Amino acid sequence: MSSFSDNLGHNIQYFREMRHLTQRELAEAADISSQYLSNLENGKAVPSADIAMRIATSLKVTCDSLLSGNANTVNKQLLELISLANDCSQQELEMILDVSKAIKANYPSPRD
């Protein structure tokens, strides 16, 4: 069973790679050293609440999603969609929502 620091490190690395950021880029955005970020990703350190929040903000994810569970168990397509939506304007978000609703209405999932 993985420890909290291992899961946290995995999640940081997963979200960082999903955003196509290098360790150096994320470290600069979160105002921490690259070495400290490497230690976090390798489960060798646990960040303070302030640093965890700065990392989450830099990754455009919630602190909860960064700290809880394991990124492998989260629907990767949904996370990618959320990541893309974070970079959209309000008009683009409304268009994406309209298209999503139209697709859902015309092609219901097998669960429906």
PDB file of N, CA and C in Angstrom:
ATOM      1  N   MET A   1       0.848  -1.185   0.000  1.00  0.00           N
ATOM      2  CA  MET A   1       0.000   0.000   0.000  1.00  0.00           C
ATOM      3  C   MET A   1       0.891   1.245   0.000  1.00  0.00           C
ATOM      4  N   SER A   2       0.523   2.193  -0.798  1.00  0.00           N
ATOM      5  CA  SER A   2       1.317   3.413  -0.914  1.00  0.00           C
ATOM      6  C   SER A   2       1.018   4.369   0.231  1.00  0.00           C
ATOM      7  N   SER A   3       2.023   5.121   0.583  1.00  0.00           N
ATOM      8  CA  SER A   3       1.857   6.107   1.641  1.00  0.00           C
ATOM      9  C   SER A   3       1.247   7.382   1.074  1.00  0.00           C
ATOM     10  N   PHE A   4       0.821   8.244   1.979  1.00  0.00           N
ATOM     11  CA  PHE A   4       0.246   9.532   1.578  1.00  0.00           C
ATOM     12  C   PHE A   4       1.223  10.315   0.714  1.00  0.00           C
ATOM     13  N   SER A   5       2.496  10.370   1.134  1.00  0.00           N
ATOM     14  CA  SER A   5       3.479  11.154   0.378  1.00  0.00           C
ATOM     15  C   SER A   5       3.721  10.566  -1.004  1.00  0.00           C
ATOM     16  N   ASP A   6       3.669   9.234  -1.132  1.00  0.00           N
ATOM     17  CA  ASP A   6       3.821   8.606  -2.448  1.00  0.00           C
ATOM     18  C   ASP A   6       2.639   8.945  -3.354  1.00  0.00           C
ATOM     19  N   ASN A   7       1.414   8.858  -2.810  1.00  0.00           N
ATOM     20  CA  ASN A   7       0.222   9.189  -3.603  1.00  0.00           C
ATOM     21  C   ASN A   7       0.220  10.657  -4.002  1.00  0.00           C
ATOM     22  N   LEU A   8       0.571  11.522  -3.060  1.00  0.00           N
ATOM     23  CA  LEU A   8       0.629  12.948  -3.353  1.00  0.00           C
ATOM     24  C   LEU A   8       1.655  13.216  -4.442  1.00  0.00           C
ATOM     25  N   GLY A   9       2.826  12.620  -4.316  1.00  0.00           N
ATOM     26  CA  GLY A   9       3.872  12.806  -5.318  1.00  0.00           C
ATOM     27  C   GLY A   9       3.436  12.328  -6.690  1.00  0.00           C
ATOM     28  N   HIS A  10       2.773  11.186  -6.723  1.00  0.00           N
ATOM     29  CA  HIS A  10       2.262  10.657  -7.989  1.00  0.00           C
ATOM     30  C   HIS A  10       1.239  11.616  -8.596  1.00  0.00           C
ATOM     31  N   ASN A  11       0.346  12.136  -7.765  1.00  0.00           N
ATOM     32  CA  ASN A  11      -0.677  13.059  -8.252  1.00  0.00           C
ATOM     33  C   ASN A  11      -0.061  14.344  -8.794  1.00  0.00           C
ATOM     34  N   ILE A  12       0.921  14.884  -8.093  1.00  0.00           N
ATOM     35  CA  ILE A  12       1.581  16.102  -8.571  1.00  0.00           C
ATOM     36  C   ILE A  12       2.203  15.840  -9.932  1.00  0.00           C
ATOM     37  N   GLN A  13       2.928  14.736 -10.046  1.00  0.00           N
ATOM     38  CA  GLN A  13       3.577  14.410 -11.321  1.00  0.00           C
ATOM     39  C   GLN A  13       2.542  14.188 -12.417  1.00  0.00           C
ATOM     40  N   TYR A  14       1.475  13.464 -12.097  1.00  0.00           N
ATOM     41  CA  TYR A  14       0.428  13.191 -13.084  1.00  0.00           C
ATOM     42  C   TYR A  14      -0.182  14.490 -13.613  1.00  0.00           C
ATOM     43  N   PHE A  15      -0.602  15.364 -12.717  1.00  0.00           N
ATOM     44  CA  PHE A  15      -1.229  16.620 -13.141  1.00  0.00           C
ATOM     45  C   PHE A  15      -0.231  17.534 -13.850  1.00  0.00           C
ATOM     46  N   ARG A  16       1.028  17.505 -13.414  1.00  0.00           N
ATOM     47  CA  ARG A  16       2.061  18.313 -14.072  1.00  0.00           C
ATOM     48  C   ARG A  16       2.248  17.848 -15.514  1.00  0.00           C
ATOM     49  N   GLU A  17       2.344  16.556 -15.704  1.00  0.00           N
ATOM     50  CA  GLU A  17       2.526  16.025 -17.056  1.00  0.00           C
ATOM     51  C   GLU A  17       1.285  16.251 -17.914  1.00  0.00           C
ATOM     52  N   MET A  18       0.107  16.174 -17.292  1.00  0.00           N
ATOM     53  CA  MET A  18      -1.124  16.434 -18.024  1.00  0.00           C
ATOM     54  C   MET A  18      -1.163  17.875 -18.537  1.00  0.00           C
ATOM     55  N   ARG A  19      -0.567  18.796 -17.792  1.00  0.00           N
ATOM     56  CA  ARG A  19      -0.518  20.208 -18.187  1.00  0.00           C
ATOM     57  C   ARG A  19       0.694  20.501 -19.078  1.00  0.00           C
ATOM     58  N   HIS A  20       1.477  19.459 -19.375  1.00  0.00           N
ATOM     59  CA  HIS A  20       2.668  19.595 -20.225  1.00  0.00           C
ATOM     60  C   HIS A  20       3.676  20.581 -19.640  1.00  0.00           C
ATOM     61  N   LEU A  21       3.881  20.463 -18.332  1.00  0.00           N
ATOM     62  CA  LEU A  21       4.843  21.314 -17.635  1.00  0.00           C
ATOM     63  C   LEU A  21       6.056  20.498 -17.227  1.00  0.00           C
ATOM     64  N   THR A  22       7.218  21.105 -17.284  1.00  0.00           N
ATOM     65  CA  THR A  22       8.413  20.479 -16.732  1.00  0.00           C
ATOM     66  C   THR A  22       8.423  20.724 -15.228  1.00  0.00           C
ATOM     67  N   GLN A  23       9.273  19.990 -14.531  1.00  0.00           N
ATOM     68  CA  GLN A  23       9.404  20.240 -13.094  1.00  0.00           C
ATOM     69  C   GLN A  23       9.856  21.675 -12.856  1.00  0.00           C
ATOM     70  N   ARG A  24      10.748  22.152 -13.670  1.00  0.00           N
ATOM     71  CA  ARG A  24      11.253  23.515 -13.503  1.00  0.00           C
ATOM     72  C   ARG A  24      10.136  24.542 -13.678  1.00  0.00           C
ATOM     73  N   GLU A  25       9.291  24.346 -14.699  1.00  0.00           N
ATOM     74  CA  GLU A  25       8.193  25.294 -14.949  1.00  0.00           C
ATOM     75  C   GLU A  25       7.201  25.311 -13.795  1.00  0.00           C
ATOM     76  N   LEU A  26       6.847  24.121 -13.295  1.00  0.00           N
ATOM     77  CA  LEU A  26       5.910  24.070 -12.167  1.00  0.00           C
ATOM     78  C   LEU A  26       6.537  24.657 -10.914  1.00  0.00           C
ATOM     79  N   ALA A  27       7.795  24.340 -10.686  1.00  0.00           N
ATOM     80  CA  ALA A  27       8.473  24.874  -9.503  1.00  0.00           C
ATOM     81  C   ALA A  27       8.495  26.402  -9.536  1.00  0.00           C
ATOM     82  N   GLU A  28       8.790  26.967 -10.685  1.00  0.00           N
ATOM     83  CA  GLU A  28       8.791  28.430 -10.810  1.00  0.00           C
ATOM     84  C   GLU A  28       7.398  28.998 -10.575  1.00  0.00           C
ATOM     85  N   ALA A  29       6.384  28.366 -11.152  1.00  0.00           N
ATOM     86  CA  ALA A  29       5.008  28.858 -10.997  1.00  0.00           C
ATOM     87  C   ALA A  29       4.552  28.794  -9.540  1.00  0.00           C
ATOM     88  N   ALA A  30       4.982  27.761  -8.824  1.00  0.00           N
ATOM     89  CA  ALA A  30       4.587  27.587  -7.418  1.00  0.00           C
ATOM     90  C   ALA A  30       5.565  28.252  -6.455  1.00  0.00           C
ATOM     91  N   ASP A  31       6.603  28.862  -6.983  1.00  0.00           N
ATOM     92  CA  ASP A  31       7.618  29.555  -6.188  1.00  0.00           C
ATOM     93  C   ASP A  31       8.293  28.622  -5.181  1.00  0.00           C
ATOM     94  N   ILE A  32       8.720  27.448  -5.698  1.00  0.00           N
ATOM     95  CA  ILE A  32       9.497  26.501  -4.910  1.00  0.00           C
ATOM     96  C   ILE A  32      10.694  26.069  -5.755  1.00  0.00           C
ATOM     97  N   SER A  33      11.648  25.398  -5.156  1.00  0.00           N
ATOM     98  CA  SER A  33      12.810  24.949  -5.922  1.00  0.00           C
ATOM     99  C   SER A  33      12.473  23.680  -6.707  1.00  0.00           C
ATOM    100  N   SER A  34      13.180  23.492  -7.798  1.00  0.00           N
ATOM    101  CA  SER A  34      12.996  22.280  -8.606  1.00  0.00           C
ATOM    102  C   SER A  34      13.349  21.039  -7.802  1.00  0.00           C
ATOM    103  N   GLN A  35      14.376  21.139  -6.966  1.00  0.00           N
ATOM    104  CA  GLN A  35      14.784  19.999  -6.145  1.00  0.00           C
ATOM    105  C   GLN A  35      13.688  19.625  -5.148  1.00  0.00           C
ATOM    106  N   TYR A  36      13.064  20.626  -4.538  1.00  0.00           N
ATOM    107  CA  TYR A  36      11.976  20.357  -3.595  1.00  0.00           C
ATOM    108  C   TYR A  36      10.802  19.704  -4.317  1.00  0.00           C
ATOM    109  N   LEU A  37      10.473  20.185  -5.513  1.00  0.00           N
ATOM    110  CA  LEU A  37       9.395  19.579  -6.291  1.00  0.00           C
ATOM    111  C   LEU A  37       9.736  18.131  -6.623  1.00  0.00           C
ATOM    112  N   SER A  38      10.977  17.880  -6.995  1.00  0.00           N
ATOM    113  CA  SER A  38      11.404  16.508  -7.269  1.00  0.00           C
ATOM    114  C   SER A  38      11.223  15.629  -6.038  1.00  0.00           C
ATOM    115  N   ASN A  39      11.596  16.150  -4.873  1.00  0.00           N
ATOM    116  CA  ASN A  39      11.408  15.398  -3.627  1.00  0.00           C
ATOM    117  C   ASN A  39       9.931  15.130  -3.355  1.00  0.00           C
ATOM    118  N   LEU A  40       9.076  16.093  -3.651  1.00  0.00           N
ATOM    119  CA  LEU A  40       7.638  15.891  -3.470  1.00  0.00           C
ATOM    120  C   LEU A  40       7.138  14.790  -4.396  1.00  0.00           C
ATOM    121  N   GLU A  41       7.521  14.873  -5.663  1.00  0.00           N
ATOM    122  CA  GLU A  41       7.055  13.882  -6.636  1.00  0.00           C
ATOM    123  C   GLU A  41       7.557  12.477  -6.316  1.00  0.00           C
ATOM    124  N   ASN A  42       8.718  12.385  -5.679  1.00  0.00           N
ATOM    125  CA  ASN A  42       9.286  11.079  -5.328  1.00  0.00           C
ATOM    126  C   ASN A  42       8.847  10.589  -3.951  1.00  0.00           C
ATOM    127  N   GLY A  43       7.950  11.327  -3.304  1.00  0.00           N
ATOM    128  CA  GLY A  43       7.436  10.917  -2.000  1.00  0.00           C
ATOM    129  C   GLY A  43       8.427  11.101  -0.870  1.00  0.00           C
ATOM    130  N   LYS A  44       9.459  11.911  -1.090  1.00  0.00           N
ATOM    131  CA  LYS A  44      10.486  12.133  -0.068  1.00  0.00           C
ATOM    132  C   LYS A  44      10.195  13.338   0.814  1.00  0.00           C
ATOM    133  N   ALA A  45       9.148  14.085   0.474  1.00  0.00           N
ATOM    134  CA  ALA A  45       8.769  15.270   1.254  1.00  0.00           C
ATOM    135  C   ALA A  45       7.261  15.440   1.187  1.00  0.00           C
ATOM    136  N   VAL A  46       6.725  16.129   2.170  1.00  0.00           N
ATOM    137  CA  VAL A  46       5.295  16.467   2.213  1.00  0.00           C
ATOM    138  C   VAL A  46       5.205  17.981   2.341  1.00  0.00           C
ATOM    139  N   PRO A  47       4.441  18.638   1.466  1.00  0.00           N
ATOM    140  CA  PRO A  47       4.396  20.101   1.493  1.00  0.00           C
ATOM    141  C   PRO A  47       3.519  20.635   2.623  1.00  0.00           C
ATOM    142  N   SER A  48       3.795  21.877   2.981  1.00  0.00           N
ATOM    143  CA  SER A  48       2.900  22.577   3.903  1.00  0.00           C
ATOM    144  C   SER A  48       1.597  22.846   3.159  1.00  0.00           C
ATOM    145  N   ALA A  49       0.576  23.247   3.887  1.00  0.00           N
ATOM    146  CA  ALA A  49      -0.709  23.563   3.268  1.00  0.00           C
ATOM    147  C   ALA A  49      -0.550  24.693   2.252  1.00  0.00           C
ATOM    148  N   ASP A  50       0.256  25.690   2.578  1.00  0.00           N
ATOM    149  CA  ASP A  50       0.485  26.821   1.681  1.00  0.00           C
ATOM    150  C   ASP A  50       1.126  26.372   0.374  1.00  0.00           C
ATOM    151  N   ILE A  51       2.136  25.535   0.458  1.00  0.00           N
ATOM    152  CA  ILE A  51       2.814  25.071  -0.754  1.00  0.00           C
ATOM    153  C   ILE A  51       1.911  24.150  -1.553  1.00  0.00           C
ATOM    154  N   ALA A  52       1.160  23.290  -0.894  1.00  0.00           N
ATOM    155  CA  ALA A  52       0.218  22.415  -1.609  1.00  0.00           C
ATOM    156  C   ALA A  52      -0.794  23.253  -2.389  1.00  0.00           C
ATOM    157  N   MET A  53      -1.265  24.335  -1.768  1.00  0.00           N
ATOM    158  CA  MET A  53      -2.220  25.215  -2.440  1.00  0.00           C
ATOM    159  C   MET A  53      -1.575  25.908  -3.633  1.00  0.00           C
ATOM    160  N   ARG A  54      -0.336  26.346  -3.493  1.00  0.00           N
ATOM    161  CA  ARG A  54       0.359  27.006  -4.607  1.00  0.00           C
ATOM    162  C   ARG A  54       0.580  26.031  -5.760  1.00  0.00           C
ATOM    163  N   ILE A  55       0.913  24.790  -5.435  1.00  0.00           N
ATOM    164  CA  ILE A  55       1.101  23.786  -6.484  1.00  0.00           C
ATOM    165  C   ILE A  55      -0.232  23.510  -7.175  1.00  0.00           C
ATOM    166  N   ALA A  56      -1.280  23.310  -6.394  1.00  0.00           N
ATOM    167  CA  ALA A  56      -2.603  23.048  -6.981  1.00  0.00           C
ATOM    168  C   ALA A  56      -3.039  24.203  -7.865  1.00  0.00           C
ATOM    169  N   THR A  57      -2.857  25.420  -7.411  1.00  0.00           N
ATOM    170  CA  THR A  57      -3.226  26.602  -8.192  1.00  0.00           C
ATOM    171  C   THR A  57      -2.426  26.651  -9.486  1.00  0.00           C
ATOM    172  N   SER A  58      -1.146  26.360  -9.411  1.00  0.00           N
ATOM    173  CA  SER A  58      -0.290  26.368 -10.600  1.00  0.00           C
ATOM    174  C   SER A  58      -0.690  25.279 -11.592  1.00  0.00           C
ATOM    175  N   LEU A  59      -1.212  24.169 -11.063  1.00  0.00           N
ATOM    176  CA  LEU A  59      -1.656  23.067 -11.922  1.00  0.00           C
ATOM    177  C   LEU A  59      -3.103  23.223 -12.376  1.00  0.00           C
ATOM    178  N   LYS A  60      -3.784  24.238 -11.853  1.00  0.00           N
ATOM    179  CA  LYS A  60      -5.194  24.492 -12.153  1.00  0.00           C
ATOM    180  C   LYS A  60      -6.073  23.302 -11.783  1.00  0.00           C
ATOM    181  N   VAL A  61      -5.808  22.757 -10.598  1.00  0.00           N
ATOM    182  CA  VAL A  61      -6.639  21.700 -10.030  1.00  0.00           C
ATOM    183  C   VAL A  61      -6.989  22.109  -8.608  1.00  0.00           C
ATOM    184  N   THR A  62      -7.959  21.449  -8.024  1.00  0.00           N
ATOM    185  CA  THR A  62      -8.291  21.736  -6.628  1.00  0.00           C
ATOM    186  C   THR A  62      -7.251  21.077  -5.732  1.00  0.00           C
ATOM    187  N   CYS A  63      -7.062  21.654  -4.591  1.00  0.00           N
ATOM    188  CA  CYS A  63      -6.138  21.081  -3.617  1.00  0.00           C
ATOM    189  C   CYS A  63      -6.642  19.695  -3.211  1.00  0.00           C
ATOM    190  N   ASP A  64      -7.936  19.538  -3.112  1.00  0.00           N
ATOM    191  CA  ASP A  64      -8.524  18.253  -2.752  1.00  0.00           C
ATOM    192  C   ASP A  64      -8.143  17.173  -3.759  1.00  0.00           C
ATOM    193  N   SER A  65      -8.230  17.480  -5.056  1.00  0.00           N
ATOM    194  CA  SER A  65      -7.892  16.466  -6.061  1.00  0.00           C
ATOM    195  C   SER A  65      -6.408  16.143  -6.032  1.00  0.00           C
ATOM    196  N   LEU A  66      -5.602  17.093  -5.636  1.00  0.00           N
ATOM    197  CA  LEU A  66      -4.158  16.872  -5.540  1.00  0.00           C
ATOM    198  C   LEU A  66      -3.821  15.993  -4.340  1.00  0.00           C
ATOM    199  N   LEU A  67      -4.505  16.222  -3.230  1.00  0.00           N
ATOM    200  CA  LEU A  67      -4.171  15.545  -1.980  1.00  0.00           C
ATOM    201  C   LEU A  67      -4.876  14.216  -1.774  1.00  0.00           C
ATOM    202  N   SER A  68      -6.034  14.038  -2.369  1.00  0.00           N
ATOM    203  CA  SER A  68      -6.814  12.848  -2.039  1.00  0.00           C
ATOM    204  C   SER A  68      -6.699  11.770  -3.103  1.00  0.00           C
ATOM    205  N   GLY A  69      -6.776  10.561  -2.653  1.00  0.00           N
ATOM    206  CA  GLY A  69      -6.829   9.433  -3.551  1.00  0.00           C
ATOM    207  C   GLY A  69      -5.593   9.263  -4.398  1.00  0.00           C
ATOM    208  N   ASN A  70      -5.827   8.669  -5.538  1.00  0.00           N
ATOM    209  CA  ASN A  70      -4.750   8.375  -6.472  1.00  0.00           C
ATOM    210  C   ASN A  70      -5.215   8.802  -7.847  1.00  0.00           C
ATOM    211  N   ALA A  71      -4.410   9.557  -8.548  1.00  0.00           N
ATOM    212  CA  ALA A  71      -4.796  10.084  -9.862  1.00  0.00           C
ATOM    213  C   ALA A  71      -5.126   8.969 -10.838  1.00  0.00           C
ATOM    214  N   ASN A  72      -4.586   7.776 -10.627  1.00  0.00           N
ATOM    215  CA  ASN A  72      -4.889   6.672 -11.546  1.00  0.00           C
ATOM    216  C   ASN A  72      -6.353   6.268 -11.487  1.00  0.00           C
ATOM    217  N   THR A  73      -7.015   6.542 -10.370  1.00  0.00           N
ATOM    218  CA  THR A  73      -8.399   6.113 -10.230  1.00  0.00           C
ATOM    219  C   THR A  73      -9.385   7.152 -10.777  1.00  0.00           C
ATOM    220  N   VAL A  74      -8.896   8.317 -11.138  1.00  0.00           N
ATOM    221  CA  VAL A  74      -9.753   9.381 -11.630  1.00  0.00           C
ATOM    222  C   VAL A  74      -9.917   9.229 -13.136  1.00  0.00           C
ATOM    223  N   ASN A  75     -11.098   9.506 -13.637  1.00  0.00           N
ATOM    224  CA  ASN A  75     -11.350   9.416 -15.062  1.00  0.00           C
ATOM    225  C   ASN A  75     -10.443  10.401 -15.796  1.00  0.00           C
ATOM    226  N   LYS A  76      -9.470   9.871 -16.533  1.00  0.00           N
ATOM    227  CA  LYS A  76      -8.468  10.707 -17.180  1.00  0.00           C
ATOM    228  C   LYS A  76      -9.071  11.609 -18.250  1.00  0.00           C
ATOM    229  N   GLN A  77     -10.095  11.147 -18.948  1.00  0.00           N
ATOM    230  CA  GLN A  77     -10.725  11.988 -19.960  1.00  0.00           C
ATOM    231  C   GLN A  77     -11.432  13.170 -19.320  1.00  0.00           C
ATOM    232  N   LEU A  78     -12.060  12.947 -18.192  1.00  0.00           N
ATOM    233  CA  LEU A  78     -12.726  14.034 -17.485  1.00  0.00           C
ATOM    234  C   LEU A  78     -11.701  15.047 -16.993  1.00  0.00           C
ATOM    235  N   LEU A  79     -10.584  14.575 -16.465  1.00  0.00           N
ATOM    236  CA  LEU A  79      -9.535  15.484 -16.014  1.00  0.00           C
ATOM    237  C   LEU A  79      -8.966  16.297 -17.177  1.00  0.00           C
ATOM    238  N   GLU A  80      -8.814  15.655 -18.321  1.00  0.00           N
ATOM    239  CA  GLU A  80      -8.307  16.371 -19.489  1.00  0.00           C
ATOM    240  C   GLU A  80      -9.308  17.435 -19.930  1.00  0.00           C
ATOM    241  N   LEU A  81     -10.585  17.101 -19.892  1.00  0.00           N
ATOM    242  CA  LEU A  81     -11.630  18.063 -20.251  1.00  0.00           C
ATOM    243  C   LEU A  81     -11.626  19.252 -19.290  1.00  0.00           C
ATOM    244  N   ILE A  82     -11.484  18.981 -18.010  1.00  0.00           N
ATOM    245  CA  ILE A  82     -11.421  20.054 -17.010  1.00  0.00           C
ATOM    246  C   ILE A  82     -10.198  20.928 -17.257  1.00  0.00           C
ATOM    247  N   SER A  83      -9.084  20.292 -17.548  1.00  0.00           N
ATOM    248  CA  SER A  83      -7.862  21.044 -17.818  1.00  0.00           C
ATOM    249  C   SER A  83      -8.036  21.955 -19.024  1.00  0.00           C
ATOM    250  N   LEU A  84      -8.640  21.445 -20.073  1.00  0.00           N
ATOM    251  CA  LEU A  84      -8.899  22.266 -21.261  1.00  0.00           C
ATOM    252  C   LEU A  84      -9.866  23.404 -20.939  1.00  0.00           C
ATOM    253  N   ALA A  85     -10.889  23.107 -20.167  1.00  0.00           N
ATOM    254  CA  ALA A  85     -11.889  24.115 -19.829  1.00  0.00           C
ATOM    255  C   ALA A  85     -11.291  25.252 -19.006  1.00  0.00           C
ATOM    256  N   ASN A  86     -10.283  24.959 -18.213  1.00  0.00           N
ATOM    257  CA  ASN A  86      -9.642  26.000 -17.407  1.00  0.00           C
ATOM    258  C   ASN A  86      -9.016  27.085 -18.253  1.00  0.00           C
ATOM    259  N   ASP A  87      -8.682  26.762 -19.491  1.00  0.00           N
ATOM    260  CA  ASP A  87      -8.034  27.729 -20.378  1.00  0.00           C
ATOM    261  C   ASP A  87      -9.017  28.394 -21.341  1.00  0.00           C
ATOM    262  N   CYS A  88     -10.307  28.148 -21.181  1.00  0.00           N
ATOM    263  CA  CYS A  88     -11.319  28.683 -22.100  1.00  0.00           C
ATOM    264  C   CYS A  88     -11.921  29.995 -21.595  1.00  0.00           C
ATOM    265  N   SER A  89     -12.375  30.780 -22.547  1.00  0.00           N
ATOM    266  CA  SER A  89     -13.127  31.983 -22.205  1.00  0.00           C
ATOM    267  C   SER A  89     -14.539  31.574 -21.805  1.00  0.00           C
ATOM    268  N   GLN A  90     -15.286  32.505 -21.262  1.00  0.00           N
ATOM    269  CA  GLN A  90     -16.668  32.214 -20.880  1.00  0.00           C
ATOM    270  C   GLN A  90     -17.495  31.804 -22.095  1.00  0.00           C
ATOM    271  N   GLN A  91     -17.284  32.468 -23.213  1.00  0.00           N
ATOM    272  CA  GLN A  91     -18.012  32.133 -24.440  1.00  0.00           C
ATOM    273  C   GLN A  91     -17.665  30.721 -24.912  1.00  0.00           C
ATOM    274  N   GLU A  92     -16.394  30.365 -24.851  1.00  0.00           N
ATOM    275  CA  GLU A  92     -15.986  29.020 -25.250  1.00  0.00           C
ATOM    276  C   GLU A  92     -16.592  27.969 -24.326  1.00  0.00           C
ATOM    277  N   LEU A  93     -16.632  28.255 -23.031  1.00  0.00           N
ATOM    278  CA  LEU A  93     -17.233  27.324 -22.075  1.00  0.00           C
ATOM    279  C   LEU A  93     -18.710  27.110 -22.367  1.00  0.00           C
ATOM    280  N   GLU A  94     -19.410  28.185 -22.686  1.00  0.00           N
ATOM    281  CA  GLU A  94     -20.835  28.067 -23.012  1.00  0.00           C
ATOM    282  C   GLU A  94     -21.040  27.227 -24.268  1.00  0.00           C
ATOM    283  N   MET A  95     -20.175  27.398 -25.257  1.00  0.00           N
ATOM    284  CA  MET A  95     -20.276  26.601 -26.489  1.00  0.00           C
ATOM    285  C   MET A  95     -20.003  25.126 -26.201  1.00  0.00           C
ATOM    286  N   ILE A  96     -18.985  24.843 -25.384  1.00  0.00           N
ATOM    287  CA  ILE A  96     -18.668  23.462 -25.029  1.00  0.00           C
ATOM    288  C   ILE A  96     -19.841  22.829 -24.291  1.00  0.00           C
ATOM    289  N   LEU A  97     -20.435  23.568 -23.382  1.00  0.00           N
ATOM    290  CA  LEU A  97     -21.585  23.058 -22.636  1.00  0.00           C
ATOM    291  C   LEU A  97     -22.763  22.782 -23.566  1.00  0.00           C
ATOM    292  N   ASP A  98     -23.038  23.689 -24.497  1.00  0.00           N
ATOM    293  CA  ASP A  98     -24.131  23.485 -25.451  1.00  0.00           C
ATOM    294  C   ASP A  98     -23.902  22.244 -26.302  1.00  0.00           C
ATOM    295  N   VAL A  99     -22.689  22.081 -26.794  1.00  0.00           N
ATOM    296  CA  VAL A  99     -22.366  20.906 -27.613  1.00  0.00           C
ATOM    297  C   VAL A  99     -22.489  19.630 -26.783  1.00  0.00           C
ATOM    298  N   SER A 100     -21.996  19.669 -25.553  1.00  0.00           N
ATOM    299  CA  SER A 100     -22.079  18.497 -24.673  1.00  0.00           C
ATOM    300  C   SER A 100     -23.523  18.099 -24.404  1.00  0.00           C
ATOM    301  N   LYS A 101     -24.362  19.089 -24.160  1.00  0.00           N
ATOM    302  CA  LYS A 101     -25.783  18.808 -23.926  1.00  0.00           C
ATOM    303  C   LYS A 101     -26.438  18.210 -25.164  1.00  0.00           C
ATOM    304  N   ALA A 102     -26.096  18.730 -26.335  1.00  0.00           N
ATOM    305  CA  ALA A 102     -26.666  18.214 -27.579  1.00  0.00           C
ATOM    306  C   ALA A 102     -26.224  16.769 -27.821  1.00  0.00           C
ATOM    307  N   ILE A 103     -24.978  16.492 -27.571  1.00  0.00           N
ATOM    308  CA  ILE A 103     -24.481  15.119 -27.735  1.00  0.00           C
ATOM    309  C   ILE A 103     -25.190  14.189 -26.762  1.00  0.00           C
ATOM    310  N   LYS A 104     -25.300  14.597 -25.517  1.00  0.00           N
ATOM    311  CA  LYS A 104     -25.952  13.771 -24.496  1.00  0.00           C
ATOM    312  C   LYS A 104     -27.421  13.516 -24.845  1.00  0.00           C
ATOM    313  N   ALA A 105     -28.101  14.535 -25.366  1.00  0.00           N
ATOM    314  CA  ALA A 105     -29.519  14.396 -25.711  1.00  0.00           C
ATOM    315  C   ALA A 105     -29.724  13.464 -26.910  1.00  0.00           C
ATOM    316  N   ASN A 106     -28.795  13.502 -27.844  1.00  0.00           N
ATOM    317  CA  ASN A 106     -28.960  12.712 -29.067  1.00  0.00           C
ATOM    318  C   ASN A 106     -28.288  11.346 -29.027  1.00  0.00           C
ATOM    319  N   TYR A 107     -27.362  11.181 -28.116  1.00  0.00           N
ATOM    320  CA  TYR A 107     -26.636   9.905 -27.999  1.00  0.00           C
ATOM    321  C   TYR A 107     -26.530   9.508 -26.534  1.00  0.00           C
ATOM    322  N   PRO A 108     -27.645   9.086 -25.940  1.00  0.00           N
ATOM    323  CA  PRO A 108     -27.601   8.746 -24.515  1.00  0.00           C
ATOM    324  C   PRO A 108     -26.648   7.564 -24.264  1.00  0.00           C
ATOM    325  N   SER A 109     -26.032   7.588 -23.105  1.00  0.00           N
ATOM    326  CA  SER A 109     -25.101   6.523 -22.753  1.00  0.00           C
ATOM    327  C   SER A 109     -25.891   5.256 -22.416  1.00  0.00           C
ATOM    328  N   PRO A 110     -25.236   4.103 -22.444  1.00  0.00           N
ATOM    329  CA  PRO A 110     -25.907   2.846 -22.109  1.00  0.00           C
ATOM    330  C   PRO A 110     -26.466   2.821 -20.700  1.00  0.00           C
ATOM    331  N   ARG A 111     -25.961   3.681 -19.813  1.00  0.00           N
ATOM    332  CA  ARG A 111     -26.458   3.718 -18.425  1.00  0.00           C
ATOM    333  C   ARG A 111     -27.848   4.320 -18.349  1.00  0.00           C
ATOM    334  N   ASP A 112     -28.222   5.137 -19.350  1.00  0.00           N
ATOM    335  CA  ASP A 112     -29.517   5.842 -19.297  1.00  0.00           C
ATOM    336  C   ASP A 112     -30.677   4.926 -19.597  1.00  0.00           C
TER     337      ASP A 112
END
